[in-house]
Amino acid sequence: MYALQTGETYEAAKAPYTDFGNYDAETINAISMLYELDIATGFEGEFNPKDSTTRGQAAKIFMNFLESIKTRNN
């Protein structure tokens, strides 16, 4: 989405999560971007990719995403 909007590639600093597992570089970059933009913050140093997402967590991510868009458009 970032590349579509800007025409540039977004390279995030690797997020400090300890449970990335065997993800490819593109997936790690996407998760790190969510962390860097304060959209997803993880829990106690982990991203928890295998856990289910609650409605509350999904709502928080969605609201953080909307805030991120609003902040960057102003």
N, C-alpha and C. Protein backbone atom coordinates (compact mmCIF):
# COMPACT_ATOMS: atom_id res chain seq x y z
N MET A 1 0.82 -1.18 0.00
CA MET A 1 0.00 0.00 0.00
C MET A 1 0.87 1.25 0.00
N TYR A 2 1.93 1.24 0.79
CA TYR A 2 2.84 2.39 0.84
C TYR A 2 3.43 2.66 -0.54
N ALA A 3 3.88 1.60 -1.20
CA ALA A 3 4.48 1.75 -2.53
C ALA A 3 3.46 2.28 -3.54
N LEU A 4 2.22 1.84 -3.43
CA LEU A 4 1.18 2.34 -4.33
C LEU A 4 0.94 3.83 -4.14
N GLN A 5 0.99 4.28 -2.88
CA GLN A 5 0.73 5.68 -2.58
C GLN A 5 1.91 6.59 -2.93
N THR A 6 3.12 6.11 -2.73
CA THR A 6 4.30 6.98 -2.87
C THR A 6 5.19 6.64 -4.05
N GLY A 7 5.06 5.43 -4.58
CA GLY A 7 5.95 4.99 -5.64
C GLY A 7 7.31 4.57 -5.12
N GLU A 8 7.47 4.51 -3.80
CA GLU A 8 8.73 4.14 -3.18
C GLU A 8 8.56 2.87 -2.34
N THR A 9 9.66 2.18 -2.11
CA THR A 9 9.66 1.01 -1.24
C THR A 9 9.89 1.46 0.19
N TYR A 10 9.15 0.89 1.12
CA TYR A 10 9.30 1.23 2.53
C TYR A 10 10.17 0.17 3.19
N GLU A 11 11.28 0.58 3.74
CA GLU A 11 12.18 -0.34 4.45
C GLU A 11 12.16 0.05 5.92
N ALA A 12 11.49 -0.74 6.72
CA ALA A 12 11.40 -0.46 8.15
C ALA A 12 12.58 -1.08 8.89
N ALA A 13 12.96 -0.46 10.00
CA ALA A 13 13.94 -1.07 10.89
C ALA A 13 13.26 -2.29 11.51
N LYS A 14 13.98 -3.38 11.68
CA LYS A 14 13.37 -4.61 12.18
C LYS A 14 12.78 -4.39 13.58
N ALA A 15 11.52 -4.76 13.72
CA ALA A 15 10.83 -4.64 15.01
C ALA A 15 11.50 -5.54 16.04
N PRO A 16 11.37 -5.19 17.33
CA PRO A 16 12.07 -5.95 18.37
C PRO A 16 11.37 -7.23 18.82
N TYR A 17 10.53 -7.80 17.98
CA TYR A 17 9.82 -9.02 18.37
C TYR A 17 10.77 -10.21 18.38
N THR A 18 10.53 -11.11 19.31
CA THR A 18 11.40 -12.29 19.44
C THR A 18 10.82 -13.52 18.77
N ASP A 19 9.63 -13.41 18.17
CA ASP A 19 8.95 -14.59 17.62
C ASP A 19 8.64 -14.47 16.13
N PHE A 20 9.56 -13.91 15.36
CA PHE A 20 9.35 -13.79 13.92
C PHE A 20 9.33 -15.15 13.22
N GLY A 21 10.01 -16.11 13.77
CA GLY A 21 10.04 -17.43 13.15
C GLY A 21 10.80 -17.42 11.85
N ASN A 22 10.30 -18.18 10.90
CA ASN A 22 10.97 -18.33 9.60
C ASN A 22 10.30 -17.51 8.50
N TYR A 23 9.87 -16.32 8.83
CA TYR A 23 9.22 -15.47 7.83
C TYR A 23 10.23 -14.95 6.83
N ASP A 24 9.75 -14.70 5.61
CA ASP A 24 10.62 -14.13 4.59
C ASP A 24 10.82 -12.64 4.87
N ALA A 25 11.76 -12.03 4.16
CA ALA A 25 12.13 -10.64 4.40
C ALA A 25 10.95 -9.68 4.19
N GLU A 26 10.11 -9.96 3.20
CA GLU A 26 8.97 -9.09 2.92
C GLU A 26 7.96 -9.09 4.07
N THR A 27 7.70 -10.27 4.64
CA THR A 27 6.78 -10.37 5.76
C THR A 27 7.34 -9.67 6.99
N ILE A 28 8.62 -9.88 7.28
CA ILE A 28 9.26 -9.21 8.43
C ILE A 28 9.23 -7.70 8.24
N ASN A 29 9.45 -7.22 7.01
CA ASN A 29 9.40 -5.79 6.74
C ASN A 29 7.98 -5.26 6.98
N ALA A 30 6.96 -5.99 6.55
CA ALA A 30 5.58 -5.55 6.73
C ALA A 30 5.22 -5.49 8.22
N ILE A 31 5.60 -6.50 8.99
CA ILE A 31 5.33 -6.50 10.43
C ILE A 31 6.10 -5.37 11.10
N SER A 32 7.34 -5.17 10.69
CA SER A 32 8.16 -4.10 11.26
C SER A 32 7.58 -2.73 10.94
N MET A 33 7.00 -2.57 9.75
CA MET A 33 6.37 -1.31 9.38
C MET A 33 5.17 -1.03 10.28
N LEU A 34 4.37 -2.06 10.55
CA LEU A 34 3.23 -1.89 11.46
C LEU A 34 3.70 -1.44 12.83
N TYR A 35 4.82 -1.99 13.30
CA TYR A 35 5.39 -1.61 14.58
C TYR A 35 5.91 -0.17 14.54
N GLU A 36 6.68 0.15 13.50
CA GLU A 36 7.29 1.47 13.37
C GLU A 36 6.25 2.58 13.28
N LEU A 37 5.12 2.29 12.64
CA LEU A 37 4.05 3.28 12.49
C LEU A 37 3.05 3.26 13.65
N ASP A 38 3.37 2.49 14.70
CA ASP A 38 2.51 2.36 15.89
C ASP A 38 1.12 1.83 15.57
N ILE A 39 1.03 0.99 14.55
CA ILE A 39 -0.26 0.38 14.20
C ILE A 39 -0.45 -0.90 14.99
N ALA A 40 0.59 -1.71 15.10
CA ALA A 40 0.57 -2.93 15.90
C ALA A 40 1.77 -2.90 16.84
N THR A 41 1.52 -3.08 18.12
CA THR A 41 2.60 -2.95 19.09
C THR A 41 3.06 -4.26 19.71
N GLY A 42 2.35 -5.33 19.45
CA GLY A 42 2.74 -6.61 20.02
C GLY A 42 2.41 -6.67 21.51
N PHE A 43 2.90 -7.72 22.16
CA PHE A 43 2.64 -7.92 23.59
C PHE A 43 3.87 -8.55 24.22
N GLU A 44 4.44 -7.85 25.19
CA GLU A 44 5.60 -8.33 25.93
C GLU A 44 6.73 -8.81 25.01
N GLY A 45 7.02 -8.00 23.99
CA GLY A 45 8.14 -8.29 23.10
C GLY A 45 7.86 -9.32 22.03
N GLU A 46 6.61 -9.73 21.88
CA GLU A 46 6.26 -10.72 20.87
C GLU A 46 5.15 -10.20 19.98
N PHE A 47 5.14 -10.65 18.72
CA PHE A 47 4.09 -10.31 17.78
C PHE A 47 2.92 -11.29 17.90
N ASN A 48 3.19 -12.49 18.35
CA ASN A 48 2.19 -13.55 18.54
C ASN A 48 1.42 -13.87 17.26
N PRO A 49 2.11 -14.26 16.18
CA PRO A 49 1.43 -14.49 14.91
C PRO A 49 0.49 -15.68 14.89
N LYS A 50 0.64 -16.59 15.82
CA LYS A 50 -0.22 -17.78 15.83
C LYS A 50 -1.45 -17.61 16.72
N ASP A 51 -1.49 -16.54 17.50
CA ASP A 51 -2.64 -16.29 18.37
C ASP A 51 -3.80 -15.70 17.57
N SER A 52 -5.00 -15.97 18.01
CA SER A 52 -6.18 -15.35 17.40
C SER A 52 -6.22 -13.88 17.81
N THR A 53 -6.79 -13.06 16.96
CA THR A 53 -6.94 -11.63 17.25
C THR A 53 -8.33 -11.39 17.80
N THR A 54 -8.42 -10.70 18.94
CA THR A 54 -9.72 -10.38 19.51
C THR A 54 -10.34 -9.20 18.77
N ARG A 55 -11.62 -8.98 18.96
CA ARG A 55 -12.27 -7.81 18.35
C ARG A 55 -11.64 -6.53 18.86
N GLY A 56 -11.30 -6.51 20.14
CA GLY A 56 -10.68 -5.32 20.72
C GLY A 56 -9.33 -5.02 20.09
N GLN A 57 -8.52 -6.07 19.88
CA GLN A 57 -7.21 -5.89 19.25
C GLN A 57 -7.37 -5.42 17.81
N ALA A 58 -8.32 -6.03 17.09
CA ALA A 58 -8.56 -5.63 15.69
C ALA A 58 -9.02 -4.19 15.62
N ALA A 59 -9.90 -3.78 16.54
CA ALA A 59 -10.38 -2.40 16.56
C ALA A 59 -9.23 -1.43 16.84
N LYS A 60 -8.34 -1.81 17.76
CA LYS A 60 -7.20 -0.95 18.07
C LYS A 60 -6.28 -0.81 16.86
N ILE A 61 -6.00 -1.90 16.18
CA ILE A 61 -5.16 -1.86 14.99
C ILE A 61 -5.81 -0.98 13.92
N PHE A 62 -7.10 -1.14 13.71
CA PHE A 62 -7.81 -0.35 12.72
C PHE A 62 -7.77 1.14 13.06
N MET A 63 -8.02 1.47 14.31
CA MET A 63 -8.00 2.87 14.74
C MET A 63 -6.58 3.45 14.63
N ASN A 64 -5.57 2.66 15.00
CA ASN A 64 -4.19 3.12 14.86
C ASN A 64 -3.85 3.37 13.39
N PHE A 65 -4.35 2.50 12.50
CA PHE A 65 -4.13 2.66 11.07
C PHE A 65 -4.77 3.96 10.58
N LEU A 66 -6.02 4.19 10.97
CA LEU A 66 -6.71 5.42 10.55
C LEU A 66 -5.98 6.66 11.07
N GLU A 67 -5.51 6.61 12.31
CA GLU A 67 -4.76 7.74 12.88
C GLU A 67 -3.47 7.96 12.12
N SER A 68 -2.81 6.88 11.73
CA SER A 68 -1.57 6.98 10.97
C SER A 68 -1.82 7.67 9.63
N ILE A 69 -2.89 7.31 8.96
CA ILE A 69 -3.24 7.94 7.68
C ILE A 69 -3.55 9.41 7.89
N LYS A 70 -4.34 9.71 8.91
CA LYS A 70 -4.73 11.10 9.19
C LYS A 70 -3.50 11.95 9.49
N THR A 71 -2.59 11.43 10.28
CA THR A 71 -1.38 12.16 10.66
C THR A 71 -0.51 12.45 9.44
N ARG A 72 -0.38 11.48 8.56
CA ARG A 72 0.48 11.66 7.40
C ARG A 72 -0.16 12.52 6.30
N ASN A 73 -1.47 12.67 6.32
CA ASN A 73 -2.13 13.51 5.33
C ASN A 73 -2.26 14.95 5.76
N ASN A 74 -1.87 15.27 6.96
CA ASN A 74 -1.95 16.67 7.46
C ASN A 74 -0.64 17.38 7.35
